[in-house]
């Protein structure tokens, strides 16, 4: 029961943050690289304004952890009935208690534990994200060069060179993570919880015609051997692992 509700709470947090992350449009899967030097140079200058070096560190050091704290707090205050849609528990059997009230019994230090976990995770991720930042900036350069003409990029850069434009560009990537925006985004989680039972039923109906997933026992000998190779373990180890799962 406890793990089911924690899973539901985690899903709610992800759902709350999804709209903010989704604000960054995905690049086309097979975009043709732009080779025009003038366009590339103008796009690179635009990226210097809107995604300066160190942006990921700014985002993750003090922005995301506070945002996650806020979202977790609001999720923990939600009635269990609203979380039931993601936990598989019949909401009719649940009282008006919140997940926070339940966790006060199971783990009085839950809030502090989550805060420590979030901050530790963000701290460890900053160096990793900083390593990939040059590649992201290169991708953004191509994206801007493909989206806008050299003349349009020059107009953007002229604006970004002004005090107002520079201030806007420096925070343009982070603005969707601001507390003011995230406060509104958090309203998405309760709405998702309310609709989730209906969504789950529709998913079941839509996938009803598919064959059921096979169990380990239904795999052929060659398939078991291939699976063990893919997992990097011996067939004996795989067999023991599957038997342990079945026993549980």
C-alpha atoms as a PDB file:
ATOM      1  CA  UNK A   1       0.000   0.000   0.000  1.00  0.00           C
ATOM      2  CA  UNK A   2       2.690   2.483   1.027  1.00  0.00           C
ATOM      3  CA  UNK A   3       4.846   1.844  -2.054  1.00  0.00           C
ATOM      4  CA  UNK A   4       1.826   2.163  -4.331  1.00  0.00           C
ATOM      5  CA  UNK A   5       1.005   5.606  -3.006  1.00  0.00           C
ATOM      6  CA  UNK A   6       4.630   6.701  -3.169  1.00  0.00           C
ATOM      7  CA  UNK A   7       4.693   5.618  -6.793  1.00  0.00           C
ATOM      8  CA  UNK A   8       1.546   7.623  -7.402  1.00  0.00           C
ATOM      9  CA  UNK A   9       3.053  10.660  -5.695  1.00  0.00           C
ATOM     10  CA  UNK A  10       6.177  10.410  -7.831  1.00  0.00           C
ATOM     11  CA  UNK A  11       4.044  10.165 -10.963  1.00  0.00           C
ATOM     12  CA  UNK A  12       2.135  13.242  -9.875  1.00  0.00           C
ATOM     13  CA  UNK A  13       5.370  15.184  -9.437  1.00  0.00           C
ATOM     14  CA  UNK A  14       6.546  14.152 -12.901  1.00  0.00           C
ATOM     15  CA  UNK A  15       3.181  15.113 -14.350  1.00  0.00           C
ATOM     16  CA  UNK A  16       3.425  18.517 -12.698  1.00  0.00           C
ATOM     17  CA  UNK A  17       6.843  19.229 -14.140  1.00  0.00           C
ATOM     18  CA  UNK A  18       6.138  17.795 -17.591  1.00  0.00           C
ATOM     19  CA  UNK A  19       4.402  20.891 -18.992  1.00  0.00           C
ATOM     20  CA  UNK A  20       7.374  23.044 -18.005  1.00  0.00           C
ATOM     21  CA  UNK A  21       9.928  20.773 -19.644  1.00  0.00           C
ATOM     22  CA  UNK A  22       7.666  20.330 -22.641  1.00  0.00           C
ATOM     23  CA  UNK A  23       7.827  24.067 -23.191  1.00  0.00           C
ATOM     24  CA  UNK A  24      11.079  23.432 -25.048  1.00  0.00           C
ATOM     25  CA  UNK A  25       9.964  22.243 -28.521  1.00  0.00           C
ATOM     26  CA  UNK A  26      11.575  19.056 -29.754  1.00  0.00           C
ATOM     27  CA  UNK A  27      13.889  19.315 -32.739  1.00  0.00           C
ATOM     28  CA  UNK A  28      12.888  17.489 -35.955  1.00  0.00           C
ATOM     29  CA  UNK A  29      14.073  13.884 -35.957  1.00  0.00           C
ATOM     30  CA  UNK A  30      15.981  14.224 -39.240  1.00  0.00           C
ATOM     31  CA  UNK A  31      16.725  17.942 -39.628  1.00  0.00           C
ATOM     32  CA  UNK A  32      19.073  18.898 -42.438  1.00  0.00           C
ATOM     33  CA  UNK A  33      22.171  20.622 -41.003  1.00  0.00           C
ATOM     34  CA  UNK A  34      22.487  24.303 -41.875  1.00  0.00           C
ATOM     35  CA  UNK A  35      25.819  25.126 -43.503  1.00  0.00           C
ATOM     36  CA  UNK A  36      25.413  28.827 -44.365  1.00  0.00           C
ATOM     37  CA  UNK A  37      28.289  30.506 -42.436  1.00  0.00           C
ATOM     38  CA  UNK A  38      26.428  33.795 -41.921  1.00  0.00           C
ATOM     39  CA  UNK A  39      23.397  32.020 -40.550  1.00  0.00           C
ATOM     40  CA  UNK A  40      25.461  29.807 -38.276  1.00  0.00           C
ATOM     41  CA  UNK A  41      27.425  32.768 -36.929  1.00  0.00           C
ATOM     42  CA  UNK A  42      24.236  34.720 -36.221  1.00  0.00           C
ATOM     43  CA  UNK A  43      22.609  31.676 -34.584  1.00  0.00           C
ATOM     44  CA  UNK A  44      25.680  31.066 -32.416  1.00  0.00           C
ATOM     45  CA  UNK A  45      25.466  34.650 -31.183  1.00  0.00           C
ATOM     46  CA  UNK A  46      21.777  34.161 -30.406  1.00  0.00           C
ATOM     47  CA  UNK A  47      22.578  31.036 -28.382  1.00  0.00           C
ATOM     48  CA  UNK A  48      25.225  32.979 -26.456  1.00  0.00           C
ATOM     49  CA  UNK A  49      22.412  35.276 -25.362  1.00  0.00           C
ATOM     50  CA  UNK A  50      19.582  32.804 -24.692  1.00  0.00           C
ATOM     51  CA  UNK A  51      21.623  29.814 -23.451  1.00  0.00           C
ATOM     52  CA  UNK A  52      24.921  31.152 -22.092  1.00  0.00           C
ATOM     53  CA  UNK A  53      27.531  28.782 -20.714  1.00  0.00           C
ATOM     54  CA  UNK A  54      26.574  27.731 -17.200  1.00  0.00           C
ATOM     55  CA  UNK A  55      22.818  27.724 -17.826  1.00  0.00           C
ATOM     56  CA  UNK A  56      22.379  24.155 -16.589  1.00  0.00           C
ATOM     57  CA  UNK A  57      24.212  24.987 -13.364  1.00  0.00           C
ATOM     58  CA  UNK A  58      21.926  27.988 -12.826  1.00  0.00           C
ATOM     59  CA  UNK A  59      18.882  25.848 -13.547  1.00  0.00           C
ATOM     60  CA  UNK A  60      19.795  22.979 -11.236  1.00  0.00           C
ATOM     61  CA  UNK A  61      21.515  24.904  -8.457  1.00  0.00           C
ATOM     62  CA  UNK A  62      18.641  26.466  -6.557  1.00  0.00           C
ATOM     63  CA  UNK A  63      15.862  26.359  -9.162  1.00  0.00           C
ATOM     64  CA  UNK A  64      14.901  22.743  -9.753  1.00  0.00           C
ATOM     65  CA  UNK A  65      15.368  21.619  -6.163  1.00  0.00           C
ATOM     66  CA  UNK A  66      13.100  24.385  -4.849  1.00  0.00           C
ATOM     67  CA  UNK A  67      10.586  23.600  -7.563  1.00  0.00           C
ATOM     68  CA  UNK A  68      10.607  19.897  -6.646  1.00  0.00           C
ATOM     69  CA  UNK A  69      10.153  20.767  -2.964  1.00  0.00           C
ATOM     70  CA  UNK A  70       7.104  22.858  -3.791  1.00  0.00           C
ATOM     71  CA  UNK A  71       5.566  20.234  -6.043  1.00  0.00           C
ATOM     72  CA  UNK A  72       6.199  17.424  -3.564  1.00  0.00           C
ATOM     73  CA  UNK A  73       4.600  19.470  -0.778  1.00  0.00           C
ATOM     74  CA  UNK A  74       1.449  20.082  -2.809  1.00  0.00           C
ATOM     75  CA  UNK A  75       1.308  16.449  -3.934  1.00  0.00           C
ATOM     76  CA  UNK A  76       1.675  15.150  -0.391  1.00  0.00           C
ATOM     77  CA  UNK A  77      -1.284  17.307   0.662  1.00  0.00           C
ATOM     78  CA  UNK A  78      -3.561  15.757  -1.950  1.00  0.00           C
ATOM     79  CA  UNK A  79      -6.279  13.401  -0.623  1.00  0.00           C
ATOM     80  CA  UNK A  80      -5.461   9.740  -1.139  1.00  0.00           C
ATOM     81  CA  UNK A  81      -8.639   9.385  -3.178  1.00  0.00           C
ATOM     82  CA  UNK A  82      -7.079  11.585  -5.863  1.00  0.00           C
ATOM     83  CA  UNK A  83      -3.908   9.503  -5.890  1.00  0.00           C
ATOM     84  CA  UNK A  84      -5.830   6.229  -6.090  1.00  0.00           C
ATOM     85  CA  UNK A  85      -6.078   6.424  -9.866  1.00  0.00           C
ATOM     86  CA  UNK A  86      -2.333   5.819 -10.164  1.00  0.00           C
ATOM     87  CA  UNK A  87      -2.031   3.323  -7.320  1.00  0.00           C
ATOM     88  CA  UNK A  88      -4.636   0.739  -8.306  1.00  0.00           C
ATOM     89  CA  UNK A  89      -6.547   1.143  -5.027  1.00  0.00           C
ATOM     90  CA  UNK A  90     -10.329   1.464  -5.048  1.00  0.00           C
ATOM     91  CA  UNK A  91     -10.933   5.132  -4.052  1.00  0.00           C
ATOM     92  CA  UNK A  92     -14.217   4.137  -2.446  1.00  0.00           C
ATOM     93  CA  UNK A  93     -12.311   2.396   0.341  1.00  0.00           C
ATOM     94  CA  UNK A  94     -10.174   5.416   1.167  1.00  0.00           C
ATOM     95  CA  UNK A  95     -10.824   8.095   3.730  1.00  0.00           C
ATOM     96  CA  UNK A  96     -10.129  11.832   3.433  1.00  0.00           C
ATOM     97  CA  UNK A  97      -6.519  11.529   4.677  1.00  0.00           C
ATOM     98  CA  UNK A  98      -3.619  12.896   2.669  1.00  0.00           C
ATOM     99  CA  UNK A  99      -0.419  11.086   1.749  1.00  0.00           C
ATOM    100  CA  UNK A 100       1.467  13.408   4.119  1.00  0.00           C
ATOM    101  CA  UNK A 101      -0.625  12.170   7.054  1.00  0.00           C
ATOM    102  CA  UNK A 102       0.083   8.560   6.126  1.00  0.00           C
ATOM    103  CA  UNK A 103       3.822   9.193   5.764  1.00  0.00           C
ATOM    104  CA  UNK A 104       3.950  10.859   9.181  1.00  0.00           C
ATOM    105  CA  UNK A 105       3.299   7.366  10.530  1.00  0.00           C
ATOM    106  CA  UNK A 106       5.514   5.384   8.167  1.00  0.00           C
ATOM    107  CA  UNK A 107       8.404   7.863   7.983  1.00  0.00           C
ATOM    108  CA  UNK A 108       8.326  11.027  10.111  1.00  0.00           C
ATOM    109  CA  UNK A 109      11.504  12.230   8.358  1.00  0.00           C
ATOM    110  CA  UNK A 110      10.047  11.737   4.873  1.00  0.00           C
ATOM    111  CA  UNK A 111      10.027  15.437   3.916  1.00  0.00           C
ATOM    112  CA  UNK A 112      13.614  15.978   5.011  1.00  0.00           C
ATOM    113  CA  UNK A 113      14.636  12.733   3.306  1.00  0.00           C
ATOM    114  CA  UNK A 114      13.117  13.897   0.025  1.00  0.00           C
ATOM    115  CA  UNK A 115      14.760  17.325   0.283  1.00  0.00           C
ATOM    116  CA  UNK A 116      18.169  15.785   0.972  1.00  0.00           C
ATOM    117  CA  UNK A 117      17.696  13.332  -1.896  1.00  0.00           C
ATOM    118  CA  UNK A 118      16.702  16.105  -4.313  1.00  0.00           C
ATOM    119  CA  UNK A 119      19.592  18.383  -3.405  1.00  0.00           C
ATOM    120  CA  UNK A 120      22.124  15.554  -3.533  1.00  0.00           C
ATOM    121  CA  UNK A 121      20.835  14.422  -6.903  1.00  0.00           C
ATOM    122  CA  UNK A 122      20.908  17.943  -8.345  1.00  0.00           C
ATOM    123  CA  UNK A 123      24.410  18.525  -6.986  1.00  0.00           C
ATOM    124  CA  UNK A 124      25.680  15.344  -8.624  1.00  0.00           C
ATOM    125  CA  UNK A 125      23.944  16.090 -11.909  1.00  0.00           C
ATOM    126  CA  UNK A 126      25.405  19.583 -12.346  1.00  0.00           C
ATOM    127  CA  UNK A 127      28.862  18.362 -13.467  1.00  0.00           C
ATOM    128  CA  UNK A 128      27.261  15.837 -15.838  1.00  0.00           C
ATOM    129  CA  UNK A 129      24.933  18.410 -17.367  1.00  0.00           C
ATOM    130  CA  UNK A 130      27.805  20.885 -17.681  1.00  0.00           C
ATOM    131  CA  UNK A 131      29.735  18.297 -19.682  1.00  0.00           C
ATOM    132  CA  UNK A 132      26.953  17.968 -22.264  1.00  0.00           C
ATOM    133  CA  UNK A 133      26.201  21.690 -22.360  1.00  0.00           C
ATOM    134  CA  UNK A 134      28.563  22.436 -25.292  1.00  0.00           C
ATOM    135  CA  UNK A 135      26.769  19.799 -27.369  1.00  0.00           C
ATOM    136  CA  UNK A 136      23.403  21.269 -26.391  1.00  0.00           C
ATOM    137  CA  UNK A 137      24.592  24.727 -27.395  1.00  0.00           C
ATOM    138  CA  UNK A 138      25.764  23.326 -30.731  1.00  0.00           C
ATOM    139  CA  UNK A 139      22.354  21.736 -31.240  1.00  0.00           C
ATOM    140  CA  UNK A 140      20.616  24.982 -30.354  1.00  0.00           C
ATOM    141  CA  UNK A 141      22.808  26.816 -32.845  1.00  0.00           C
ATOM    142  CA  UNK A 142      21.647  24.481 -35.591  1.00  0.00           C
ATOM    143  CA  UNK A 143      18.040  24.743 -34.406  1.00  0.00           C
ATOM    144  CA  UNK A 144      18.040  28.549 -34.449  1.00  0.00           C
ATOM    145  CA  UNK A 145      19.862  28.607 -37.794  1.00  0.00           C
ATOM    146  CA  UNK A 146      17.258  26.255 -39.248  1.00  0.00           C
ATOM    147  CA  UNK A 147      14.297  28.097 -37.757  1.00  0.00           C
ATOM    148  CA  UNK A 148      15.245  31.697 -38.576  1.00  0.00           C
ATOM    149  CA  UNK A 149      16.905  33.469 -41.467  1.00  0.00           C
ATOM    150  CA  UNK A 150      20.151  35.350 -41.003  1.00  0.00           C
ATOM    151  CA  UNK A 151      18.224  38.630 -41.152  1.00  0.00           C
ATOM    152  CA  UNK A 152      15.793  37.488 -38.447  1.00  0.00           C
ATOM    153  CA  UNK A 153      18.653  36.300 -36.251  1.00  0.00           C
ATOM    154  CA  UNK A 154      20.383  39.662 -36.676  1.00  0.00           C
ATOM    155  CA  UNK A 155      17.181  41.403 -35.540  1.00  0.00           C
ATOM    156  CA  UNK A 156      16.988  39.123 -32.489  1.00  0.00           C
ATOM    157  CA  UNK A 157      20.634  39.765 -31.668  1.00  0.00           C
ATOM    158  CA  UNK A 158      20.160  43.510 -32.012  1.00  0.00           C
ATOM    159  CA  UNK A 159      17.399  43.323 -29.423  1.00  0.00           C
ATOM    160  CA  UNK A 160      19.362  40.953 -27.184  1.00  0.00           C
ATOM    161  CA  UNK A 161      22.271  43.424 -27.230  1.00  0.00           C
ATOM    162  CA  UNK A 162      20.112  46.037 -25.504  1.00  0.00           C
ATOM    163  CA  UNK A 163      19.924  46.041 -21.685  1.00  0.00           C
ATOM    164  CA  UNK A 164      16.316  44.829 -21.744  1.00  0.00           C
ATOM    165  CA  UNK A 165      16.981  42.223 -24.403  1.00  0.00           C
ATOM    166  CA  UNK A 166      20.067  40.940 -22.597  1.00  0.00           C
ATOM    167  CA  UNK A 167      18.162  40.624 -19.311  1.00  0.00           C
ATOM    168  CA  UNK A 168      15.317  38.774 -21.047  1.00  0.00           C
ATOM    169  CA  UNK A 169      17.572  36.431 -23.036  1.00  0.00           C
ATOM    170  CA  UNK A 170      19.660  35.417 -20.012  1.00  0.00           C
ATOM    171  CA  UNK A 171      16.573  34.113 -18.204  1.00  0.00           C
ATOM    172  CA  UNK A 172      14.449  33.024 -21.163  1.00  0.00           C
ATOM    173  CA  UNK A 173      15.310  29.345 -20.662  1.00  0.00           C
ATOM    174  CA  UNK A 174      14.656  29.493 -16.912  1.00  0.00           C
ATOM    175  CA  UNK A 175      11.448  31.514 -16.911  1.00  0.00           C
ATOM    176  CA  UNK A 176       9.217  28.437 -17.241  1.00  0.00           C
ATOM    177  CA  UNK A 177      10.709  27.131 -13.986  1.00  0.00           C
ATOM    178  CA  UNK A 178       9.892  30.264 -12.033  1.00  0.00           C
ATOM    179  CA  UNK A 179       7.746  29.852  -8.889  1.00  0.00           C
ATOM    180  CA  UNK A 180       5.005  31.981 -10.411  1.00  0.00           C
ATOM    181  CA  UNK A 181       4.657  29.640 -13.382  1.00  0.00           C
ATOM    182  CA  UNK A 182       5.128  26.411 -11.447  1.00  0.00           C
ATOM    183  CA  UNK A 183       2.417  27.429  -8.980  1.00  0.00           C
ATOM    184  CA  UNK A 184      -0.047  27.336 -11.868  1.00  0.00           C
ATOM    185  CA  UNK A 185       1.452  24.170 -13.339  1.00  0.00           C
ATOM    186  CA  UNK A 186       0.918  22.300 -10.071  1.00  0.00           C
ATOM    187  CA  UNK A 187      -2.821  22.518 -10.623  1.00  0.00           C
ATOM    188  CA  UNK A 188      -2.265  19.956 -13.387  1.00  0.00           C
ATOM    189  CA  UNK A 189      -1.503  17.119 -10.952  1.00  0.00           C
ATOM    190  CA  UNK A 190      -4.917  17.003  -9.196  1.00  0.00           C
ATOM    191  CA  UNK A 191      -6.679  17.207 -12.553  1.00  0.00           C
ATOM    192  CA  UNK A 192      -4.583  14.311 -13.829  1.00  0.00           C
ATOM    193  CA  UNK A 193      -5.404  12.257 -10.733  1.00  0.00           C
ATOM    194  CA  UNK A 194      -9.126  12.809 -11.300  1.00  0.00           C
ATOM    195  CA  UNK A 195      -8.924  11.717 -14.923  1.00  0.00           C
ATOM    196  CA  UNK A 196      -6.429   8.876 -14.489  1.00  0.00           C
ATOM    197  CA  UNK A 197      -8.947   6.048 -13.823  1.00  0.00           C
ATOM    198  CA  UNK A 198     -10.753   6.932 -17.034  1.00  0.00           C
ATOM    199  CA  UNK A 199      -7.469   7.235 -18.935  1.00  0.00           C
ATOM    200  CA  UNK A 200      -6.293   3.844 -17.646  1.00  0.00           C
ATOM    201  CA  UNK A 201      -9.511   2.189 -18.804  1.00  0.00           C
ATOM    202  CA  UNK A 202      -9.169   3.755 -22.250  1.00  0.00           C
ATOM    203  CA  UNK A 203      -5.576   2.547 -22.491  1.00  0.00           C
ATOM    204  CA  UNK A 204      -6.710  -0.981 -21.562  1.00  0.00           C
ATOM    205  CA  UNK A 205      -9.437  -0.868 -24.191  1.00  0.00           C
ATOM    206  CA  UNK A 206      -7.089   0.471 -26.869  1.00  0.00           C
ATOM    207  CA  UNK A 207      -4.486  -2.256 -26.196  1.00  0.00           C
ATOM    208  CA  UNK A 208      -6.946  -5.104 -25.638  1.00  0.00           C
ATOM    209  CA  UNK A 209      -6.218  -6.605 -29.049  1.00  0.00           C
ATOM    210  CA  UNK A 210      -2.495  -7.012 -28.372  1.00  0.00           C
ATOM    211  CA  UNK A 211      -1.091 -10.359 -27.225  1.00  0.00           C
ATOM    212  CA  UNK A 212      -0.287 -10.546 -23.510  1.00  0.00           C
ATOM    213  CA  UNK A 213       3.390 -10.195 -22.513  1.00  0.00           C
ATOM    214  CA  UNK A 214       5.102 -13.549 -22.226  1.00  0.00           C
ATOM    215  CA  UNK A 215       6.435 -14.916 -18.993  1.00  0.00           C
ATOM    216  CA  UNK A 216       9.998 -16.169 -18.669  1.00  0.00           C
ATOM    217  CA  UNK A 217       8.738 -19.746 -18.701  1.00  0.00           C
ATOM    218  CA  UNK A 218       7.173 -19.168 -22.129  1.00  0.00           C
ATOM    219  CA  UNK A 219      10.452 -18.134 -23.762  1.00  0.00           C
ATOM    220  CA  UNK A 220      12.345 -20.555 -25.958  1.00  0.00           C
ATOM    221  CA  UNK A 221      15.806 -21.775 -24.995  1.00  0.00           C
ATOM    222  CA  UNK A 222      17.421 -19.528 -27.592  1.00  0.00           C
ATOM    223  CA  UNK A 223      15.426 -16.532 -26.385  1.00  0.00           C
ATOM    224  CA  UNK A 224      16.513 -17.166 -22.795  1.00  0.00           C
ATOM    225  CA  UNK A 225      20.121 -17.383 -23.938  1.00  0.00           C
ATOM    226  CA  UNK A 226      19.798 -14.127 -25.890  1.00  0.00           C
ATOM    227  CA  UNK A 227      18.144 -12.419 -22.926  1.00  0.00           C
ATOM    228  CA  UNK A 228      20.961 -13.475 -20.592  1.00  0.00           C
ATOM    229  CA  UNK A 229      23.533 -12.165 -23.071  1.00  0.00           C
ATOM    230  CA  UNK A 230      21.731  -8.829 -23.369  1.00  0.00           C
ATOM    231  CA  UNK A 231      21.627  -8.526 -19.570  1.00  0.00           C
ATOM    232  CA  UNK A 232      25.300  -9.451 -19.251  1.00  0.00           C
ATOM    233  CA  UNK A 233      24.685 -12.394 -16.928  1.00  0.00           C
ATOM    234  CA  UNK A 234      24.849 -16.157 -17.246  1.00  0.00           C
ATOM    235  CA  UNK A 235      21.796 -18.228 -18.075  1.00  0.00           C
ATOM    236  CA  UNK A 236      22.062 -19.804 -14.627  1.00  0.00           C
ATOM    237  CA  UNK A 237      21.982 -16.392 -12.963  1.00  0.00           C
ATOM    238  CA  UNK A 238      19.017 -15.376 -15.076  1.00  0.00           C
ATOM    239  CA  UNK A 239      17.189 -18.579 -14.174  1.00  0.00           C
ATOM    240  CA  UNK A 240      17.771 -17.967 -10.451  1.00  0.00           C
ATOM    241  CA  UNK A 241      16.638 -14.363 -10.765  1.00  0.00           C
ATOM    242  CA  UNK A 242      13.403 -15.320 -12.529  1.00  0.00           C
ATOM    243  CA  UNK A 243      12.650 -18.030  -9.972  1.00  0.00           C
ATOM    244  CA  UNK A 244      13.147 -15.504  -7.175  1.00  0.00           C
ATOM    245  CA  UNK A 245      10.746 -13.097  -8.872  1.00  0.00           C
ATOM    246  CA  UNK A 246       8.168 -15.845  -9.285  1.00  0.00           C
ATOM    247  CA  UNK A 247       8.501 -16.776  -5.608  1.00  0.00           C
ATOM    248  CA  UNK A 248       7.882 -13.168  -4.564  1.00  0.00           C
END
